[in-house]
Amino acid sequence: MSASLTRRAAVGLGLLAPLALVGCSAEKDDEPQPEGLDALGTPTPVPLSHATQFSLDAYDGGCRLATLASGDRLLIVPEGTDPPAEPPAGVAVIQQPLANVYLVSTGMICLVDAIGALDAVSVSSVRAEDSPVDAFTARLESGEITYGGLYREPDYELIAAKGCPLAIENTNIDHVPEVRAKLEELGVTVLMEQSSREEDMLGRLEWIRLMGAVFGREDEAAAVFDDVSARVEDAAAEGSVGKTVAFFYVNEDGAAVTRRAGDYFAQMIEAAGGEYVSFAEEGAADSSPTTVTVEMERFYEGARDADVIIYNGTIDDGVTSLEDLVTKNALLADFTAVRNGDVWTCDANLYQQITSMADIIFDLRRALTNTDEPTTYVWRLD
């Protein structure tokens, strides 16, 4: 790749993908508006450039209709506007201004923080020691936000006492439908964010537009998205460094768990100038929508000559030294990157820092080019 990012390369990275005007898709055009919203007027689709797992429609009076890929629909009603007397079946109402939100999705914390809406959150499933955002940690420690139990075992009494109008969950809530049912019984609207299902790395970031609509901070959300995506494009424009990169962790069975080819983190490695070492699902010990697990012998065959290793410290206890890494499996000692000392690991909250995407990509590039510049999200193992 040349120093200036070609259009073809940029499209491959999802940076110049055709505008995914989800709200204007053919399927959406053929889909009638829910009965009962006619009084709001004719909706105008809000253009989205990368996200495909939600759409937004804007009404002249300020209302927004969010339609999620799961089929959920949420009508966002601005302050000073009354919601429909009888909301349409299948459409939940979010009335602004919001307060006492129950924030469960860890991935949304940085987005809510970036648009300046943390003051609307009062209950969370995240403890201070596990918080990925300093401002969120401070609010937990000060008591402005109260820990309300895990997503599968929420503190219903606390949620009811706080009068939480909205719970922002991730897709884990699908595994405990009884929890969702109980929250809704308490009058809590459930928004299940699905950013993890976005194929494009910037699609994940674009969920900030939905958070902006929910909290009434659309201008702030647009500014953050435009700034971060522009910096991501700048990072990718620096081109390839000609090095292969293996990204994995060793599970309790001794197998290597890798990210799928085309996964958003693999895209970030490629944007940083690396060539991601991936493994096909065929012959894998296990697989998921985001990972492929391979026995160590197969991983050795495919990744032993990788120029750089990044050990994924977001899942297990991680490693703090090359000695720790080799203790995971003796075969790792024979990897080229281990012999050359080109082994890095990452911050435990890496996946929850989507607004820091450009900074992470620049950090990855520093790891690939062996510069002496300081890094924040990855660091070398000695």
Protein backbone atom coordinates (compact mmCIF):
# COMPACT_ATOMS: atom_id res chain seq x y z
CA MET A 1 0.00 0.00 0.00
CA SER A 2 1.35 3.39 -0.90
CA ALA A 3 1.83 6.16 1.59
CA SER A 4 -1.38 7.78 0.35
CA LEU A 5 -4.34 5.50 1.01
CA THR A 6 -5.84 4.27 -2.25
CA ARG A 7 -9.62 4.18 -2.58
CA ARG A 8 -9.54 0.41 -3.09
CA ALA A 9 -7.47 -0.09 0.08
CA ALA A 10 -9.65 2.28 2.05
CA VAL A 11 -12.80 0.44 0.98
CA GLY A 12 -11.16 -2.79 2.10
CA LEU A 13 -10.67 -1.26 5.51
CA GLY A 14 -14.23 0.03 5.58
CA LEU A 15 -13.05 3.65 5.71
CA LEU A 16 -14.60 4.73 2.44
CA ALA A 17 -17.37 2.18 2.30
CA PRO A 18 -20.44 3.28 0.35
CA LEU A 19 -22.78 5.22 2.57
CA ALA A 20 -24.86 2.65 4.39
CA LEU A 21 -28.00 4.72 4.61
CA VAL A 22 -29.68 2.10 6.70
CA GLY A 23 -32.78 4.18 7.17
CA CYS A 24 -33.10 4.43 3.37
CA SER A 25 -32.63 0.75 2.55
CA ALA A 26 -35.05 -0.86 0.12
CA GLU A 27 -36.33 -3.12 2.86
CA LYS A 28 -37.00 -0.13 5.10
CA ASP A 29 -38.67 1.83 2.30
CA ASP A 30 -41.17 -0.99 1.81
CA GLU A 31 -41.84 -1.24 5.52
CA PRO A 32 -44.75 0.90 6.73
CA GLN A 33 -44.39 3.12 9.75
CA PRO A 34 -45.97 1.68 12.88
CA GLU A 35 -49.62 2.61 13.19
CA GLY A 36 -50.08 5.35 15.75
CA LEU A 37 -47.13 7.48 14.65
CA ASP A 38 -48.94 9.21 11.80
CA ALA A 39 -49.49 12.31 13.95
CA LEU A 40 -45.72 12.80 14.08
CA GLY A 41 -45.60 13.46 10.34
CA THR A 42 -43.41 11.94 7.66
CA PRO A 43 -40.07 10.61 8.95
CA THR A 44 -36.74 11.43 7.35
CA PRO A 45 -34.04 8.72 7.51
CA VAL A 46 -30.89 9.76 9.35
CA PRO A 47 -27.89 8.82 7.17
CA LEU A 48 -25.40 6.37 8.66
CA SER A 49 -22.05 5.80 7.00
CA HIS A 50 -20.95 2.46 8.49
CA ALA A 51 -23.41 1.00 11.02
CA THR A 52 -25.85 -1.64 9.77
CA GLN A 53 -27.39 -2.91 13.01
CA PHE A 54 -29.68 0.05 13.65
CA SER A 55 -31.42 2.85 11.80
CA LEU A 56 -32.82 6.21 12.86
CA ASP A 57 -35.77 8.14 11.48
CA ALA A 58 -36.23 11.81 12.37
CA TYR A 59 -39.58 13.60 12.72
CA ASP A 60 -40.05 17.35 12.39
CA GLY A 61 -41.10 17.72 16.02
CA GLY A 62 -37.84 16.27 17.28
CA CYS A 63 -38.91 12.67 17.87
CA ARG A 64 -36.61 9.90 16.67
CA LEU A 65 -37.57 6.32 15.85
CA ALA A 66 -34.73 3.85 16.38
CA THR A 67 -35.11 0.47 14.69
CA LEU A 68 -32.61 -2.18 15.79
CA ALA A 69 -31.54 -5.23 13.80
CA SER A 70 -33.10 -7.39 16.52
CA GLY A 71 -36.49 -5.96 15.57
CA ASP A 72 -36.79 -3.71 18.63
CA ARG A 73 -38.19 -0.24 18.01
CA LEU A 74 -37.81 2.72 20.32
CA LEU A 75 -39.48 6.09 19.98
CA ILE A 76 -37.32 8.84 21.50
CA VAL A 77 -39.47 11.78 22.60
CA PRO A 78 -37.78 15.14 23.33
CA GLU A 79 -38.36 17.17 26.46
CA GLY A 80 -41.53 19.22 26.26
CA THR A 81 -43.19 16.87 23.79
CA ASP A 82 -45.87 14.39 24.80
CA PRO A 83 -45.53 10.80 23.56
CA PRO A 84 -48.42 9.24 21.64
CA ALA A 85 -51.38 8.56 23.94
CA GLU A 86 -51.27 4.92 22.88
CA PRO A 87 -47.81 3.95 21.61
CA PRO A 88 -47.94 1.47 18.74
CA ALA A 89 -47.56 -2.21 19.59
CA GLY A 90 -43.90 -3.18 19.58
CA VAL A 91 -42.65 0.40 20.00
CA ALA A 92 -41.12 1.33 23.37
CA VAL A 93 -40.95 4.98 24.41
CA ILE A 94 -37.91 6.82 25.75
CA GLN A 95 -38.94 10.17 27.21
CA GLN A 96 -36.33 12.90 27.55
CA PRO A 97 -34.74 14.33 29.59
CA LEU A 98 -33.25 11.11 30.87
CA ALA A 99 -32.08 10.53 34.43
CA ASN A 100 -31.29 7.44 36.50
CA VAL A 101 -30.39 5.33 33.48
CA TYR A 102 -29.28 1.75 34.23
CA LEU A 103 -26.14 1.26 32.10
CA VAL A 104 -25.17 -2.37 31.69
CA SER A 105 -23.29 -2.46 28.39
CA THR A 106 -19.61 -1.84 29.13
CA GLY A 107 -18.98 -1.01 25.48
CA MET A 108 -21.37 1.95 25.62
CA ILE A 109 -19.68 3.61 28.61
CA CYS A 110 -17.02 5.38 26.54
CA LEU A 111 -19.66 6.52 24.03
CA VAL A 112 -21.93 7.96 26.73
CA ASP A 113 -18.90 9.61 28.32
CA ALA A 114 -17.74 11.07 25.00
CA ILE A 115 -21.07 12.87 24.48
CA GLY A 116 -21.08 14.19 28.05
CA ALA A 117 -24.10 12.21 29.25
CA LEU A 118 -22.74 10.29 32.25
CA ASP A 119 -24.73 12.51 34.58
CA ALA A 120 -27.87 10.76 33.32
CA VAL A 121 -26.63 7.38 34.61
CA SER A 122 -27.22 6.35 38.22
CA VAL A 123 -27.05 2.53 38.21
CA SER A 124 -24.59 0.19 36.50
CA SER A 125 -23.61 -3.47 36.34
CA VAL A 126 -19.94 -2.40 36.33
CA ARG A 127 -17.88 -2.11 39.52
CA ALA A 128 -15.33 0.67 39.93
CA GLU A 129 -12.39 -1.73 39.62
CA ASP A 130 -13.72 -2.98 36.26
CA SER A 131 -14.66 0.37 34.78
CA PRO A 132 -12.97 1.15 31.43
CA VAL A 133 -13.43 4.94 31.72
CA ASP A 134 -11.87 7.13 34.42
CA ALA A 135 -14.87 9.47 34.65
CA PHE A 136 -17.18 6.50 35.12
CA THR A 137 -14.88 5.06 37.79
CA ALA A 138 -14.95 8.38 39.65
CA ARG A 139 -18.75 8.44 39.65
CA LEU A 140 -18.90 4.89 40.96
CA GLU A 141 -16.44 5.71 43.73
CA SER A 142 -18.30 8.90 44.68
CA GLY A 143 -21.67 7.15 44.78
CA GLU A 144 -23.15 9.18 41.92
CA ILE A 145 -23.50 5.82 40.16
CA THR A 146 -24.47 2.75 42.21
CA TYR A 147 -23.50 -0.80 41.43
CA GLY A 148 -26.71 -2.65 40.61
CA GLY A 149 -25.63 -6.27 40.17
CA LEU A 150 -24.61 -8.31 37.13
CA TYR A 151 -26.72 -8.22 33.97
CA ARG A 152 -28.09 -11.68 34.77
CA GLU A 153 -28.79 -10.85 38.43
CA PRO A 154 -29.73 -7.17 38.66
CA ASP A 155 -30.78 -5.53 41.89
CA TYR A 156 -34.44 -5.05 41.02
CA GLU A 157 -35.21 -3.27 44.30
CA LEU A 158 -32.51 -0.69 43.63
CA ILE A 159 -33.60 -0.22 40.02
CA ALA A 160 -37.21 0.26 41.13
CA ALA A 161 -36.23 2.62 43.95
CA LYS A 162 -34.16 4.75 41.57
CA GLY A 163 -37.03 4.81 39.08
CA CYS A 164 -34.75 3.82 36.21
CA PRO A 165 -36.62 4.55 32.97
CA LEU A 166 -34.08 2.92 30.64
CA ALA A 167 -31.66 -0.02 30.71
CA ILE A 168 -28.90 -0.05 28.10
CA GLU A 169 -27.95 -3.72 27.74
CA ASN A 170 -25.74 -5.64 25.33
CA THR A 171 -26.62 -8.87 23.53
CA ASN A 172 -26.04 -10.94 26.68
CA ILE A 173 -29.56 -9.99 27.74
CA ASP A 174 -30.79 -12.40 25.07
CA HIS A 175 -29.47 -15.25 27.23
CA VAL A 176 -31.64 -14.25 30.19
CA PRO A 177 -35.04 -13.28 28.74
CA GLU A 178 -36.56 -13.53 32.19
CA VAL A 179 -34.40 -10.59 33.30
CA ARG A 180 -35.59 -8.45 30.42
CA ALA A 181 -39.18 -9.41 31.15
CA LYS A 182 -38.78 -8.43 34.82
CA LEU A 183 -37.20 -5.08 33.93
CA GLU A 184 -40.03 -4.30 31.55
CA GLU A 185 -42.54 -5.35 34.21
CA LEU A 186 -40.95 -2.67 36.43
CA GLY A 187 -41.54 -0.10 33.69
CA VAL A 188 -37.94 -0.05 32.44
CA THR A 189 -37.47 0.30 28.68
CA VAL A 190 -34.71 -2.06 27.49
CA LEU A 191 -32.36 -0.99 24.71
CA MET A 192 -30.20 -3.93 23.62
CA GLU A 193 -27.24 -2.45 21.78
CA GLN A 194 -25.80 -4.67 19.06
CA SER A 195 -22.56 -2.91 18.19
CA SER A 196 -20.64 -6.18 18.60
CA ARG A 197 -22.47 -7.48 15.52
CA GLU A 198 -21.16 -4.72 13.29
CA GLU A 199 -18.73 -6.05 10.70
CA ASP A 200 -17.04 -2.69 10.13
CA MET A 201 -14.87 -1.29 12.90
CA LEU A 202 -16.30 2.18 12.32
CA GLY A 203 -19.77 0.67 12.43
CA ARG A 204 -19.14 -0.05 16.10
CA LEU A 205 -18.14 3.54 16.67
CA GLU A 206 -21.21 4.83 14.87
CA TRP A 207 -23.44 3.54 17.67
CA ILE A 208 -22.47 6.83 19.26
CA ARG A 209 -25.09 8.38 16.97
CA LEU A 210 -27.78 6.25 18.60
CA MET A 211 -26.52 7.18 22.07
CA GLY A 212 -26.58 10.81 20.95
CA ALA A 213 -30.21 10.47 19.90
CA VAL A 214 -31.17 8.67 23.12
CA PHE A 215 -29.58 11.29 25.39
CA GLY A 216 -30.45 14.29 23.24
CA ARG A 217 -26.84 14.96 22.26
CA GLU A 218 -26.79 14.32 18.54
CA ASP A 219 -24.47 17.21 17.70
CA GLU A 220 -21.91 16.02 20.24
CA ALA A 221 -22.16 12.47 18.88
CA ALA A 222 -21.67 13.60 15.29
CA ALA A 223 -18.62 15.66 16.27
CA VAL A 224 -16.99 12.71 18.06
CA PHE A 225 -17.72 10.28 15.24
CA ASP A 226 -16.39 12.64 12.56
CA ASP A 227 -13.22 13.37 14.55
CA VAL A 228 -12.39 9.75 15.39
CA SER A 229 -13.19 8.38 11.94
CA ALA A 230 -11.04 11.08 10.30
CA ARG A 231 -8.13 10.18 12.58
CA VAL A 232 -8.61 6.48 11.80
CA GLU A 233 -8.39 7.29 8.10
CA ASP A 234 -5.24 9.32 8.75
CA ALA A 235 -3.71 6.36 10.59
CA ALA A 236 -4.56 3.93 7.79
CA ALA A 237 -3.16 6.32 5.20
CA GLU A 238 0.36 5.69 6.52
CA GLY A 239 0.29 2.38 4.66
CA SER A 240 1.67 -1.11 5.19
CA VAL A 241 4.80 -1.78 7.23
CA GLY A 242 5.20 -5.25 5.69
CA LYS A 243 4.88 -7.22 8.93
CA THR A 244 2.60 -10.09 9.88
CA VAL A 245 0.80 -9.99 13.23
CA ALA A 246 -0.64 -12.80 15.36
CA PHE A 247 -3.23 -11.81 17.99
CA PHE A 248 -4.42 -14.51 20.40
CA TYR A 249 -4.70 -15.83 23.92
CA VAL A 250 -4.29 -19.36 25.29
CA ASN A 251 -7.44 -20.82 26.82
CA GLU A 252 -7.68 -23.22 29.75
CA ASP A 253 -7.43 -26.18 27.37
CA GLY A 254 -4.12 -24.93 25.97
CA ALA A 255 -5.56 -23.95 22.60
CA ALA A 256 -5.02 -20.59 20.87
CA VAL A 257 -8.09 -18.36 20.58
CA THR A 258 -7.76 -15.98 17.64
CA ARG A 259 -10.01 -13.32 16.14
CA ARG A 260 -11.69 -14.11 12.84
CA ALA A 261 -10.34 -12.70 9.59
CA GLY A 262 -12.16 -9.45 8.92
CA ASP A 263 -13.02 -9.01 12.59
CA TYR A 264 -12.98 -5.39 13.72
CA PHE A 265 -9.73 -5.84 15.65
CA ALA A 266 -8.13 -7.53 12.65
CA GLN A 267 -9.23 -4.46 10.67
CA MET A 268 -7.49 -2.24 13.21
CA ILE A 269 -4.26 -4.24 12.85
CA GLU A 270 -4.49 -3.84 9.07
CA ALA A 271 -5.22 -0.11 9.43
CA ALA A 272 -2.04 0.09 11.53
CA GLY A 273 -0.09 -1.35 8.60
CA GLY A 274 0.07 -4.99 9.67
CA GLU A 275 -0.99 -8.18 7.92
CA TYR A 276 -3.22 -10.17 10.26
CA VAL A 277 -2.53 -13.90 10.62
CA SER A 278 -5.92 -15.61 10.54
CA PHE A 279 -7.16 -19.19 10.71
CA ALA A 280 -10.00 -20.79 8.79
CA GLU A 281 -12.92 -22.26 10.70
CA GLU A 282 -12.38 -25.61 8.99
CA GLY A 283 -10.44 -27.84 11.37
CA ALA A 284 -10.89 -25.44 14.28
CA ALA A 285 -11.36 -26.80 17.78
CA ASP A 286 -14.16 -24.28 18.30
CA SER A 287 -15.52 -21.11 16.76
CA SER A 288 -17.88 -18.23 17.50
CA PRO A 289 -19.08 -15.23 15.51
CA THR A 290 -15.88 -13.39 16.49
CA THR A 291 -13.24 -16.03 17.28
CA VAL A 292 -11.63 -19.19 15.91
CA THR A 293 -10.00 -21.57 18.40
CA VAL A 294 -7.20 -23.80 17.10
CA GLU A 295 -5.05 -26.43 18.76
CA MET A 296 -1.58 -25.15 19.57
CA GLU A 297 0.12 -27.41 17.01
CA ARG A 298 -1.97 -25.89 14.22
CA PHE A 299 -1.44 -22.40 15.60
CA TYR A 300 2.31 -23.08 15.65
CA GLU A 301 2.25 -24.07 11.99
CA GLY A 302 0.36 -20.95 10.93
CA ALA A 303 1.81 -18.29 13.21
CA ARG A 304 5.33 -19.30 14.23
CA ASP A 305 6.87 -17.01 11.60
CA ALA A 306 4.70 -14.00 12.46
CA ASP A 307 6.82 -10.88 12.78
CA VAL A 308 4.90 -9.57 15.76
CA ILE A 309 2.80 -11.24 18.45
CA ILE A 310 0.18 -9.38 20.46
CA TYR A 311 -1.10 -11.44 23.35
CA ASN A 312 -4.77 -10.74 24.01
CA GLY A 313 -4.88 -9.77 27.67
CA THR A 314 -8.57 -8.81 27.64
CA ILE A 315 -9.92 -12.30 28.37
CA ASP A 316 -7.72 -14.28 30.73
CA ASP A 317 -5.29 -13.02 33.38
CA GLY A 318 -2.88 -12.04 30.63
CA VAL A 319 0.90 -12.22 30.74
CA THR A 320 3.46 -9.82 32.15
CA SER A 321 6.67 -11.21 30.64
CA LEU A 322 8.01 -13.43 27.88
CA GLU A 323 8.57 -16.06 30.55
CA ASP A 324 4.87 -15.93 31.43
CA LEU A 325 3.99 -16.34 27.76
CA VAL A 326 6.20 -19.37 27.20
CA THR A 327 4.79 -20.93 30.36
CA LYS A 328 1.43 -21.04 28.54
CA ASN A 329 2.92 -23.49 26.03
CA ALA A 330 6.54 -24.46 25.36
CA LEU A 331 5.98 -24.26 21.58
CA LEU A 332 5.70 -20.50 21.88
CA ALA A 333 9.43 -20.24 22.68
CA ASP A 334 10.17 -21.20 19.06
CA PHE A 335 8.06 -18.42 17.53
CA THR A 336 10.06 -15.86 15.52
CA ALA A 337 8.53 -12.93 17.38
CA VAL A 338 9.38 -14.47 20.75
CA ARG A 339 13.00 -15.10 19.72
CA ASN A 340 13.28 -11.53 18.42
CA GLY A 341 11.53 -9.93 21.38
CA ASP A 342 8.67 -8.56 19.26
CA VAL A 343 5.91 -9.62 21.65
CA TRP A 344 3.32 -7.20 23.01
CA THR A 345 0.24 -7.41 25.14
CA CYS A 346 -2.73 -5.11 25.52
CA ASP A 347 -4.86 -3.25 28.02
CA ALA A 348 -7.58 -5.35 29.65
CA ASN A 349 -10.20 -2.79 28.59
CA LEU A 350 -9.08 -2.61 24.96
CA TYR A 351 -12.45 -3.77 23.58
CA GLN A 352 -14.32 -1.17 25.64
CA GLN A 353 -12.34 1.80 24.28
CA ILE A 354 -14.00 2.21 20.89
CA THR A 355 -13.78 6.02 21.00
CA SER A 356 -10.01 5.57 21.32
CA MET A 357 -9.88 3.57 18.09
CA ALA A 358 -7.50 5.94 16.32
CA ASP A 359 -5.14 6.06 19.31
CA ILE A 360 -5.14 2.25 19.50
CA ILE A 361 -4.30 2.01 15.79
CA PHE A 362 -1.42 4.47 16.22
CA ASP A 363 -0.21 2.38 19.22
CA LEU A 364 -0.34 -0.77 17.10
CA ARG A 365 1.70 0.96 14.41
CA ARG A 366 4.32 1.95 16.97
CA ALA A 367 4.51 -1.71 18.01
CA LEU A 368 4.98 -2.79 14.38
CA THR A 369 7.64 -0.18 13.63
CA ASN A 370 9.57 -0.50 16.91
CA THR A 371 9.58 3.22 17.57
CA ASP A 372 10.54 4.58 20.97
CA GLU A 373 7.32 6.58 21.23
CA PRO A 374 5.28 5.79 24.35
CA THR A 375 2.16 3.64 24.00
CA THR A 376 -1.01 3.50 26.08
CA TYR A 377 -3.02 0.49 24.97
CA VAL A 378 -0.26 -2.03 24.13
CA TRP A 379 3.16 -2.61 25.63
CA ARG A 380 6.15 -4.80 24.93
CA LEU A 381 6.89 -7.90 27.00
CA ASP A 382 10.44 -8.36 28.28
